[in-house]
C-alpha cells in the first residue's frame, strides 16, 4: 500500500467499456507527514475521495481486487481515505 495525496482529477470520454462510471483521480505519493514526492499517477477511486485528501492506494494486480475494479484494466486504485496517521506514538496527520 502507498500513502498518497489526491492532487487532481481527470476526465476521459473515450475509454475501455469496463472503466465507464469509474472516477479517475490524480494522486502523488507522500511521506507520513503528507509531503509529496515522485511522479503523479492516475488511480481509480473506489471510495469517493476528493482533491486534497490523504488516501491509501495499491498498484499492480492488487489494484484489481476491489469491488469496483474487479476484472478491469487498472494499475492503481484508491481503496481508503486516511483519517489519521500515528508514527512512533506521535500523531503526524489527523483529518
Protein backbone atom coordinates (compact mmCIF):
# COMPACT_ATOMS: atom_id res chain seq x y z
CA UNK A 1 0.00 0.00 0.00
CA UNK A 2 1.11 3.53 -0.76
CA UNK A 3 0.11 6.71 1.07
CA UNK A 4 -0.78 9.38 -1.48
CA UNK A 5 -2.45 12.77 -1.75
CA UNK A 6 -5.20 13.44 -4.28
CA UNK A 7 -3.91 16.39 -6.31
CA UNK A 8 -6.38 16.49 -9.20
CA UNK A 9 -8.97 14.85 -11.40
CA UNK A 10 -9.00 13.57 -14.94
CA UNK A 11 -11.82 13.13 -17.44
CA UNK A 12 -11.81 10.64 -20.27
CA UNK A 13 -14.81 10.33 -22.56
CA UNK A 14 -13.30 7.60 -24.73
CA UNK A 15 -12.07 4.62 -22.71
CA UNK A 16 -12.39 0.88 -22.23
CA UNK A 17 -16.02 0.00 -21.53
CA UNK A 18 -15.08 -1.56 -18.17
CA UNK A 19 -13.93 1.88 -16.97
CA UNK A 20 -17.25 3.66 -17.59
CA UNK A 21 -18.69 5.03 -14.37
CA UNK A 22 -15.36 4.95 -12.52
CA UNK A 23 -13.87 8.21 -11.21
CA UNK A 24 -10.21 8.75 -12.12
CA UNK A 25 -8.11 10.86 -9.77
CA UNK A 26 -4.54 12.10 -9.99
CA UNK A 27 -2.52 11.19 -6.90
CA UNK A 28 1.05 11.68 -5.78
CA UNK A 29 2.91 9.58 -3.23
CA UNK A 30 3.60 11.20 0.16
CA UNK A 31 5.66 10.51 3.20
CA UNK A 32 3.98 10.02 6.59
CA UNK A 33 3.82 13.80 7.06
CA UNK A 34 1.87 14.34 3.84
CA UNK A 35 4.78 15.81 1.87
CA UNK A 36 4.50 14.76 -1.78
CA UNK A 37 7.32 13.34 -3.89
CA UNK A 38 7.77 11.38 -7.09
CA UNK A 39 5.69 11.41 -10.24
CA UNK A 40 1.90 11.79 -10.06
CA UNK A 41 -0.19 8.85 -11.29
CA UNK A 42 -3.85 8.16 -12.06
CA UNK A 43 -5.84 5.87 -9.78
CA UNK A 44 -9.42 4.63 -9.91
CA UNK A 45 -11.36 5.98 -6.93
CA UNK A 46 -13.31 3.19 -5.21
CA UNK A 47 -14.18 5.19 -2.05
CA UNK A 48 -15.34 8.63 -3.26
CA UNK A 49 -12.17 10.51 -2.25
CA UNK A 50 -11.69 14.17 -3.03
CA UNK A 51 -8.92 16.55 -4.02
CA UNK A 52 -6.63 17.34 -1.10
CA UNK A 53 -7.34 14.14 0.83
CA UNK A 54 -4.70 11.70 2.02
CA UNK A 55 -5.52 8.20 0.76
CA UNK A 56 -4.24 4.63 0.65
CA UNK A 57 -3.58 3.26 -2.80
CA UNK A 58 -2.35 -0.01 -4.19
CA UNK A 59 -0.95 -0.83 -7.59
CA UNK A 60 -0.40 -3.75 -9.89
CA UNK A 61 -2.57 -6.85 -9.72
CA UNK A 62 -3.75 -5.87 -6.22
CA UNK A 63 -5.49 -2.85 -7.76
CA UNK A 64 -7.94 -5.22 -9.45
CA UNK A 65 -9.13 -6.76 -6.18
CA UNK A 66 -11.70 -4.15 -5.07
CA UNK A 67 -15.38 -4.50 -5.85
CA UNK A 68 -15.22 -1.51 -8.21
CA UNK A 69 -12.13 -2.67 -10.12
CA UNK A 70 -12.63 -6.44 -10.36
CA UNK A 71 -11.68 -7.62 -13.86
CA UNK A 72 -10.91 -4.10 -15.11
CA UNK A 73 -7.75 -2.85 -16.86
CA UNK A 74 -6.42 -0.75 -13.97
CA UNK A 75 -2.99 -0.47 -12.40
CA UNK A 76 -3.79 1.73 -9.39
CA UNK A 77 -6.78 2.14 -7.07
CA UNK A 78 -7.68 4.36 -4.15
CA UNK A 79 -9.05 1.96 -1.53
CA UNK A 80 -9.24 4.11 1.63
CA UNK A 81 -9.37 7.71 2.81
CA UNK A 82 -6.99 8.24 5.72
CA UNK A 83 -8.44 9.79 8.90
CA UNK A 84 -5.21 9.82 10.91
CA UNK A 85 -1.65 8.56 10.96
CA UNK A 86 0.30 7.69 14.10
CA UNK A 87 4.05 7.10 13.74
CA UNK A 88 6.16 6.12 16.75
CA UNK A 89 3.36 7.08 19.16
CA UNK A 90 3.02 10.55 17.60
CA UNK A 91 0.02 11.72 15.60
CA UNK A 92 1.56 13.00 12.36
CA UNK A 93 -1.74 13.51 10.48
CA UNK A 94 -5.34 14.00 11.50
CA UNK A 95 -8.13 14.82 9.10
